[in-house]
Protein backbone atom coordinates (compact mmCIF):
# COMPACT_ATOMS: atom_id res chain seq x y z
CA UNK A 1 23.34 44.41 76.45
CA UNK A 2 24.85 47.81 77.06
CA UNK A 3 25.77 49.89 74.07
CA UNK A 4 29.50 49.76 73.36
CA UNK A 5 31.39 52.90 74.36
CA UNK A 6 34.56 54.26 72.79
CA UNK A 7 34.48 51.47 70.22
CA UNK A 8 37.96 50.71 68.87
CA UNK A 9 38.12 48.07 66.16
CA UNK A 10 41.74 47.29 67.07
CA UNK A 11 40.97 46.38 70.66
CA UNK A 12 41.18 42.71 71.45
CA UNK A 13 39.12 40.67 73.88
CA UNK A 14 42.03 41.02 76.31
CA UNK A 15 41.88 44.82 76.10
CA UNK A 16 38.14 44.77 76.80
CA UNK A 17 38.53 42.41 79.76
CA UNK A 18 41.26 44.61 81.22
CA UNK A 19 39.23 47.82 80.74
CA UNK A 20 36.28 46.27 82.59
CA UNK A 21 38.56 44.98 85.35
CA UNK A 22 37.73 41.28 84.93
CA UNK A 23 40.79 39.62 86.46
CA UNK A 24 39.58 36.03 86.02
CA UNK A 25 38.86 36.58 82.33
CA UNK A 26 42.30 38.13 81.84
CA UNK A 27 43.97 35.09 83.45
CA UNK A 28 41.98 32.69 81.26
CA UNK A 29 42.66 34.62 78.06
CA UNK A 30 46.41 34.75 78.68
CA UNK A 31 46.48 31.03 79.46
CA UNK A 32 44.62 30.22 76.24
CA UNK A 33 46.30 32.79 73.94
CA UNK A 34 49.59 34.14 75.39
CA UNK A 35 50.28 36.26 72.28
CA UNK A 36 47.29 38.49 73.04
CA UNK A 37 49.47 40.35 75.50
CA UNK A 38 51.42 41.92 72.61
CA UNK A 39 48.36 43.41 70.91
CA UNK A 40 47.87 47.19 70.70
CA UNK A 41 44.82 49.27 69.91
CA UNK A 42 44.55 52.35 67.68
CA UNK A 43 46.23 54.50 70.36
CA UNK A 44 49.06 51.98 70.62
CA UNK A 45 47.86 51.12 74.11
CA UNK A 46 48.93 47.76 75.41
CA UNK A 47 46.84 45.82 77.92
CA UNK A 48 49.13 47.28 80.61
CA UNK A 49 48.32 50.84 79.49
CA UNK A 50 44.62 50.09 79.93
CA UNK A 51 45.17 48.40 83.30
CA UNK A 52 47.26 51.32 84.61
CA UNK A 53 44.77 53.87 83.29
CA UNK A 54 41.92 52.04 84.99
CA UNK A 55 43.74 51.55 88.28
CA UNK A 56 43.42 47.76 88.20
CA UNK A 57 46.24 46.77 90.56
CA UNK A 58 45.80 42.99 90.37
CA UNK A 59 45.58 43.00 86.58
CA UNK A 60 48.72 45.16 86.39
CA UNK A 61 50.54 42.56 88.50
CA UNK A 62 49.27 39.72 86.33
CA UNK A 63 50.35 41.39 83.09
CA UNK A 64 53.81 42.21 84.44
CA UNK A 65 54.28 38.55 85.41
CA UNK A 66 53.49 37.45 81.87
CA UNK A 67 55.56 40.17 80.16
CA UNK A 68 57.70 42.54 82.29
CA UNK A 69 58.82 44.49 79.19
CA UNK A 70 55.35 46.03 78.85
CA UNK A 71 56.33 48.48 81.58
CA UNK A 72 58.42 50.40 79.00
CA UNK A 73 55.81 50.36 76.22
CA UNK A 74 54.92 53.72 74.67
CA UNK A 75 51.58 54.75 73.19
CA UNK A 76 51.03 57.17 70.29
CA UNK A 77 51.85 60.10 72.56
CA UNK A 78 54.99 58.54 73.97
CA UNK A 79 53.28 57.79 77.29
CA UNK A 80 54.28 54.84 79.46
CA UNK A 81 51.73 53.07 81.69
CA UNK A 82 53.15 55.17 84.55
CA UNK A 83 52.13 58.39 82.75
CA UNK A 84 48.55 57.18 82.45
CA UNK A 85 48.33 55.92 86.03
CA UNK A 86 49.69 59.27 87.29
CA UNK A 87 47.28 61.27 85.17
CA UNK A 88 44.33 59.30 86.56
CA UNK A 89 45.55 59.52 90.15
CA UNK A 90 45.95 55.77 90.73
CA UNK A 91 48.59 55.96 93.46
CA UNK A 92 48.66 52.20 94.13
CA UNK A 93 49.47 51.46 90.50
CA UNK A 94 52.09 54.23 90.52
CA UNK A 95 53.82 52.57 93.50
CA UNK A 96 53.51 49.19 91.82
CA UNK A 97 55.16 50.35 88.59
CA UNK A 98 57.90 52.37 90.27
CA UNK A 99 58.73 49.48 92.61
CA UNK A 100 59.41 47.39 89.55
CA UNK A 101 61.30 50.09 87.65
CA UNK A 102 62.16 53.31 89.57
CA UNK A 103 63.80 55.02 86.60
CA UNK A 104 60.40 55.31 84.89
CA UNK A 105 59.77 58.40 86.99
CA UNK A 106 62.04 60.48 84.75
CA UNK A 107 60.73 59.31 81.39
CA UNK A 108 59.19 61.98 79.17
CA UNK A 109 56.38 61.70 76.65
CA UNK A 110 56.40 62.97 73.08
CA UNK A 111 55.20 66.30 74.52
CA UNK A 112 58.09 66.33 77.00
CA UNK A 113 55.91 65.70 80.04
CA UNK A 114 56.96 63.55 82.98
CA UNK A 115 54.49 61.63 85.11
CA UNK A 116 54.81 64.45 87.66
CA UNK A 117 53.70 67.06 85.10
CA UNK A 118 50.65 64.98 84.28
CA UNK A 119 49.72 64.32 87.91
CA UNK A 120 50.08 68.01 88.80
CA UNK A 121 47.99 69.18 85.87
CA UNK A 122 45.27 66.65 86.71
CA UNK A 123 45.24 67.63 90.41
CA UNK A 124 46.41 64.47 92.15
CA UNK A 125 48.45 65.62 95.15
CA UNK A 126 49.01 62.09 96.51
CA UNK A 127 50.63 61.00 93.26
CA UNK A 128 52.64 64.23 93.12
CA UNK A 129 54.08 63.48 96.56
CA UNK A 130 54.87 59.88 95.56
CA UNK A 131 56.68 60.88 92.38
CA UNK A 132 58.61 63.59 94.23
CA UNK A 133 59.82 60.97 96.73
CA UNK A 134 61.32 58.95 93.89
CA UNK A 135 63.01 61.94 92.23
CA UNK A 136 62.86 65.35 93.98
CA UNK A 137 64.57 67.16 91.09
CA UNK A 138 61.53 66.63 88.86
CA UNK A 139 59.51 69.20 90.80
CA UNK A 140 61.45 71.98 89.06
CA UNK A 141 61.55 70.23 85.69
CA UNK A 142 60.33 72.22 82.69
CA UNK A 143 58.10 70.80 79.99
CA UNK A 144 58.12 71.45 76.25
CA UNK A 145 58.55 74.69 74.33
CA UNK A 146 56.51 76.61 76.91
CA UNK A 147 58.99 75.74 79.69
CA UNK A 148 56.21 74.99 82.16
CA UNK A 149 56.89 73.37 85.52
CA UNK A 150 54.46 71.13 87.44
CA UNK A 151 53.56 74.17 89.56
CA UNK A 152 52.68 76.19 86.44
CA UNK A 153 50.35 73.42 85.28
CA UNK A 154 48.69 72.96 88.67
CA UNK A 155 48.18 76.71 89.11
CA UNK A 156 46.53 77.41 85.78
CA UNK A 157 44.37 74.30 86.16
CA UNK A 158 43.15 75.56 89.54
CA UNK A 159 44.35 72.69 91.72
CA UNK A 160 45.00 74.56 94.95
CA UNK A 161 45.82 71.43 96.97
CA UNK A 162 48.52 70.46 94.47
CA UNK A 163 49.85 74.02 94.52
CA UNK A 164 50.11 73.79 98.32
CA UNK A 165 51.87 70.45 98.03
CA UNK A 166 54.40 71.68 95.47
CA UNK A 167 55.14 74.86 97.42
CA UNK A 168 55.91 72.76 100.49
CA UNK A 169 58.07 70.33 98.52
CA UNK A 170 59.89 73.10 96.62
CA UNK A 171 59.33 76.63 98.00
CA UNK A 172 61.57 78.18 95.35
CA UNK A 173 59.49 76.75 92.48
CA UNK A 174 57.17 79.77 92.53
CA UNK A 175 59.98 81.84 91.03
CA UNK A 176 60.11 79.78 87.82
CA UNK A 177 59.03 81.48 84.59
CA UNK A 178 57.68 80.06 81.36
CA UNK A 179 58.87 80.88 77.84
CA UNK A 180 56.97 84.19 77.93
CA UNK A 181 58.49 85.19 81.25
CA UNK A 182 55.25 84.56 83.14
CA UNK A 183 55.30 83.51 86.76
CA UNK A 184 52.91 81.04 88.30
CA UNK A 185 50.86 84.01 89.53
CA UNK A 186 50.46 85.30 85.97
CA UNK A 187 49.07 81.94 84.87
CA UNK A 188 46.72 81.61 87.83
CA UNK A 189 45.44 85.17 87.31
CA UNK A 190 44.96 84.63 83.59
CA UNK A 191 42.91 81.49 84.25
CA UNK A 192 40.87 83.16 87.00
CA UNK A 193 42.00 80.81 89.76
CA UNK A 194 41.25 83.00 92.77
CA UNK A 195 42.03 80.33 95.40
CA UNK A 196 45.42 79.63 93.81
CA UNK A 197 46.12 83.37 93.58
CA UNK A 198 45.43 83.72 97.32
CA UNK A 199 47.77 80.84 98.15
CA UNK A 200 50.56 82.16 95.96
CA UNK A 201 50.37 85.65 97.41
CA UNK A 202 50.38 84.24 100.94
CA UNK A 203 53.46 82.21 100.07
CA UNK A 204 55.31 84.99 98.26
CA UNK A 205 53.75 88.51 98.28
CA UNK A 206 56.53 89.78 95.98
CA UNK A 207 54.96 87.89 93.06
CA UNK A 208 52.38 90.69 92.81
CA UNK A 209 54.84 93.02 91.12
CA UNK A 210 56.42 90.53 88.71
CA UNK A 211 56.23 91.40 85.02
CA UNK A 212 56.59 89.04 82.07
CA UNK A 213 58.67 89.52 78.92
CA UNK A 214 56.07 92.01 77.63
CA UNK A 215 56.10 93.93 80.94
CA UNK A 216 52.59 92.69 81.76
CA UNK A 217 51.60 92.26 85.39
CA UNK A 218 49.27 89.56 86.76
CA UNK A 219 46.58 92.27 86.87
CA UNK A 220 46.86 92.69 83.10
CA UNK A 221 46.24 88.97 82.67
CA UNK A 222 43.31 88.88 85.10
CA UNK A 223 41.70 91.90 83.42
CA UNK A 224 42.21 90.47 79.95
CA UNK A 225 40.60 87.20 81.04
CA UNK A 226 37.60 89.00 82.55
CA UNK A 227 38.14 87.65 86.07
CA UNK A 228 36.71 90.34 88.32
CA UNK A 229 37.32 88.43 91.56
CA UNK A 230 41.01 88.06 90.79
CA UNK A 231 41.18 91.71 89.72
CA UNK A 232 39.78 92.68 93.12
CA UNK A 233 42.28 90.40 94.89
CA UNK A 234 45.28 91.83 93.08
CA UNK A 235 44.13 95.45 93.41
CA UNK A 236 43.62 95.05 97.16
CA UNK A 237 47.15 93.70 97.42
CA UNK A 238 48.71 96.51 95.36
CA UNK A 239 46.46 99.37 94.12
CA UNK A 240 49.33 100.82 92.09
CA UNK A 241 49.04 97.93 89.61
CA UNK A 242 46.04 99.61 88.05
CA UNK A 243 48.42 102.15 86.44
CA UNK A 244 50.99 99.56 85.32
CA UNK A 245 51.99 99.77 81.65
CA UNK A 246 53.14 96.89 79.48
CA UNK A 247 55.63 97.18 76.62
CA UNK A 248 52.90 98.78 74.47
CA UNK A 249 52.13 101.22 77.30
CA UNK A 250 48.77 99.54 77.86
CA UNK A 251 47.15 99.38 81.28
CA UNK A 252 44.92 96.60 82.65
CA UNK A 253 41.96 98.71 81.50
CA UNK A 254 43.25 98.55 77.91
CA UNK A 255 43.60 94.79 78.23
CA UNK A 256 40.01 94.40 79.47
CA UNK A 257 38.54 96.74 76.84
CA UNK A 258 40.38 95.00 74.01
CA UNK A 259 38.76 91.68 74.96
CA UNK A 260 35.30 93.13 75.63
CA UNK A 261 35.32 92.39 79.36
CA UNK A 262 32.60 94.88 80.30
CA UNK A 263 32.34 93.82 83.96
CA UNK A 264 36.06 94.30 84.52
CA UNK A 265 36.08 97.55 82.53
CA UNK A 266 33.36 98.91 84.82
CA UNK A 267 35.22 97.61 87.86
CA UNK A 268 38.52 99.24 86.88
CA UNK A 269 36.85 102.54 86.00
CA UNK A 270 35.13 102.57 89.39
CA UNK A 271 38.43 101.91 91.14
CA UNK A 272 40.34 104.45 89.06
CA UNK A 273 38.11 106.76 86.94
CA UNK A 274 40.95 108.78 85.42
CA UNK A 275 42.43 105.69 83.78
CA UNK A 276 39.91 106.17 80.98
CA UNK A 277 42.13 108.96 79.62
CA UNK A 278 45.29 106.85 79.27
CA UNK A 279 46.58 106.18 75.76
CA UNK A 280 48.96 103.45 74.71
CA UNK A 281 52.23 103.61 72.75
CA UNK A 282 50.27 104.13 69.52
CA UNK A 283 48.16 106.91 71.05
CA UNK A 284 45.15 104.62 71.11
CA UNK A 285 42.57 105.02 73.83
CA UNK A 286 40.57 102.26 75.47
CA UNK A 287 37.75 103.20 73.10
CA UNK A 288 39.99 102.58 70.07
CA UNK A 289 40.69 99.06 71.32
CA UNK A 290 37.06 98.32 72.16
CA UNK A 291 35.98 99.61 68.74
CA UNK A 292 38.57 97.49 66.97
CA UNK A 293 37.07 94.41 68.60
CA UNK A 294 33.48 95.51 68.07
CA UNK A 295 32.66 95.27 71.77
CA UNK A 296 29.42 97.22 71.85
CA UNK A 297 28.75 97.00 75.59
CA UNK A 298 32.20 98.35 76.39
CA UNK A 299 31.90 101.07 73.75
CA UNK A 300 28.59 102.21 75.21
CA UNK A 301 29.99 102.26 78.72
CA UNK A 302 33.01 104.31 77.70
CA UNK A 303 30.95 106.80 75.67
CA UNK A 304 28.58 107.32 78.59
CA UNK A 305 31.49 108.11 80.87
CA UNK A 306 33.54 110.13 78.40
CA UNK A 307 31.77 111.10 75.11
CA UNK A 308 34.84 113.00 73.93
CA UNK A 309 36.69 109.72 73.43
CA UNK A 310 34.78 109.28 70.19
CA UNK A 311 36.84 112.11 68.68
CA UNK A 312 40.21 110.87 69.96
CA UNK A 313 42.75 110.05 67.26
CA UNK A 314 45.71 107.71 67.39
CA UNK A 315 49.18 108.34 66.01
CA UNK A 316 47.89 107.83 62.45
CA UNK A 317 44.97 110.21 62.96
CA UNK A 318 42.39 107.40 63.13
CA UNK A 319 39.34 107.53 65.36
CA UNK A 320 37.57 104.63 67.08
CA UNK A 321 34.96 104.84 64.31
CA UNK A 322 37.63 104.17 61.70
CA UNK A 323 38.68 100.94 63.39
CA UNK A 324 35.13 99.74 63.92
CA UNK A 325 34.37 100.43 60.27
CA UNK A 326 37.51 98.78 58.99
CA UNK A 327 36.76 95.62 60.95
CA UNK A 328 33.14 95.53 59.82
CA UNK A 329 31.47 95.91 63.22
CA UNK A 330 28.08 97.33 62.20
CA UNK A 331 26.59 97.80 65.68
CA UNK A 332 29.77 99.48 66.88
CA UNK A 333 29.71 101.81 63.87
CA UNK A 334 26.11 102.82 64.57
CA UNK A 335 26.97 103.53 68.18
CA UNK A 336 30.03 105.60 67.34
CA UNK A 337 28.54 107.45 64.40
CA UNK A 338 27.87 111.15 65.05
CA UNK A 339 27.07 113.94 62.57
CA UNK A 340 30.64 115.21 62.72
CA UNK A 341 31.96 111.78 61.84
CA UNK A 342 29.63 110.91 58.97
CA UNK A 343 31.85 112.44 56.30
CA UNK A 344 35.00 110.62 57.36
CA UNK A 345 33.12 107.34 57.62
CA UNK A 346 31.54 107.69 54.17
CA UNK A 347 34.87 108.57 52.57
CA UNK A 348 36.41 105.46 54.07
CA UNK A 349 33.54 103.31 52.76
CA UNK A 350 33.87 104.80 49.29
CA UNK A 351 37.60 104.14 49.26
CA UNK A 352 37.03 100.55 50.37
CA UNK A 353 34.33 99.94 47.75
CA UNK A 354 36.39 101.40 44.91
CA UNK A 355 39.47 99.45 45.95
CA UNK A 356 37.64 96.13 45.95
CA UNK A 357 35.72 97.03 42.74
CA UNK A 358 32.28 96.05 44.02
CA UNK A 359 28.91 97.77 43.91
CA UNK A 360 27.19 98.83 47.07
CA UNK A 361 23.76 98.76 45.43
CA UNK A 362 22.42 96.17 45.35
CA UNK A 363 24.14 94.49 48.31
CA UNK A 364 27.52 92.72 47.94
CA UNK A 365 27.48 89.33 46.28
CA UNK A 366 27.75 86.08 48.18
CA UNK A 367 31.25 85.63 46.80
CA UNK A 368 32.26 89.06 48.12
CA UNK A 369 30.83 88.25 51.55
CA UNK A 370 32.83 85.06 51.65
CA UNK A 371 36.13 86.53 50.45
CA UNK A 372 35.95 89.83 52.34
CA UNK A 373 33.78 89.27 55.44
CA UNK A 374 35.03 92.37 57.31
CA UNK A 375 34.67 94.59 54.26
CA UNK A 376 31.16 93.28 53.65
CA UNK A 377 30.17 94.31 57.15
CA UNK A 378 31.46 97.84 56.53
CA UNK A 379 29.69 98.22 53.19
CA UNK A 380 26.44 96.77 54.54
CA UNK A 381 26.59 99.05 57.55
CA UNK A 382 27.20 102.09 55.36
CA UNK A 383 24.08 101.61 53.22
CA UNK A 384 21.98 103.46 55.78
CA UNK A 385 24.36 106.42 55.54
CA UNK A 386 24.46 106.41 51.75
CA UNK A 387 20.66 106.31 51.35
CA UNK A 388 19.08 109.58 50.18
CA UNK A 389 18.38 112.08 52.92
CA UNK A 390 18.81 115.82 53.30
CA UNK A 391 21.35 115.47 56.11
CA UNK A 392 23.55 113.15 54.01
CA UNK A 393 23.04 114.32 50.41
CA UNK A 394 24.45 117.73 51.13
CA UNK A 395 27.66 116.54 52.75
CA UNK A 396 30.70 117.44 50.66
CA UNK A 397 34.38 116.87 51.25
CA UNK A 398 37.08 119.38 50.33
CA UNK A 399 37.20 118.41 46.63
CA UNK A 400 33.43 118.85 46.57
CA UNK A 401 32.48 115.17 46.45
CA UNK A 402 29.23 113.98 48.01
CA UNK A 403 28.85 110.80 50.06
CA UNK A 404 27.78 109.10 46.82
CA UNK A 405 31.42 109.43 45.68
């Protein structure tokens, strides 16, 4: 006997027979106990939901003969059997259900998705074409708070054949934007879907320069996601994108550094070396952003290329070391620490320790580590600096205080 899978205590023998595709057993069970057809499992699936999900055409027909109303039944997520058949790519069941009730094609789930949204996101181009034939207006329909169309969902999921299908069915759909003002190219670039990116640019080259509501280009999104192949695609299409600024005046290099995408950071610096000097709206350099995130590999790369970035200050006079220390990134602090910066770092640590009323020696308590994880990292990382040593003991600030505070 095989071990039971996906055990659901609310499933009936009819549900199990339907899931396994045993038509004869289904017929016998319904003849013996007609009321079984009304039973639902823990997901509120009816036997028809299971039959549609499994693509069992003959069982679907049998169930609809016994109880046609099941075609409108909704599960916990507000999905009809048509939603589930579309999501699984069972085109014969889709035709079967729509033949019985064509208006099902426009029904939306609790998450506002139509069957077309679900088929597009799952990558079933045959079902997409079928659903479009029943209601062409659905191809431009938006879903939920994010205002995503079927093309948005197919693009970010990487289903290039569905993208091709939708672009043929509705060429203008590539102009649609989601709630953040992102085009389908933004979403494909962000997800690293290089084949979809190529198809979109071939269909509409003007998408390359589109910016979202934060003035971010698709190159920003590709760089942030660490997708070097897409970065290369977009740069080859429009090299000027490498200097594009978003609403915070950040370039794609900033976006990559902030997320610790060392491969893309190296790629962008090779393509445009001078971009390392660019600061954002807050006067923060790429090193500031890498330090804030504790991205050691990126920090090392930037320091090797431009050591002077370690001394750069933002609009509040804060260095990359300050941000690494504040966020508790010990390895980043060690990398950024230079003799000229020791004093500022120690002063910051002393201020932090006195504010939180904890002792550095011995190490912070377990409770302190739990309540202030970032601060614990800073204090722990500063112990090496605060230990006795001729190069540290003699350091005094303007009021004459030593690193021991």
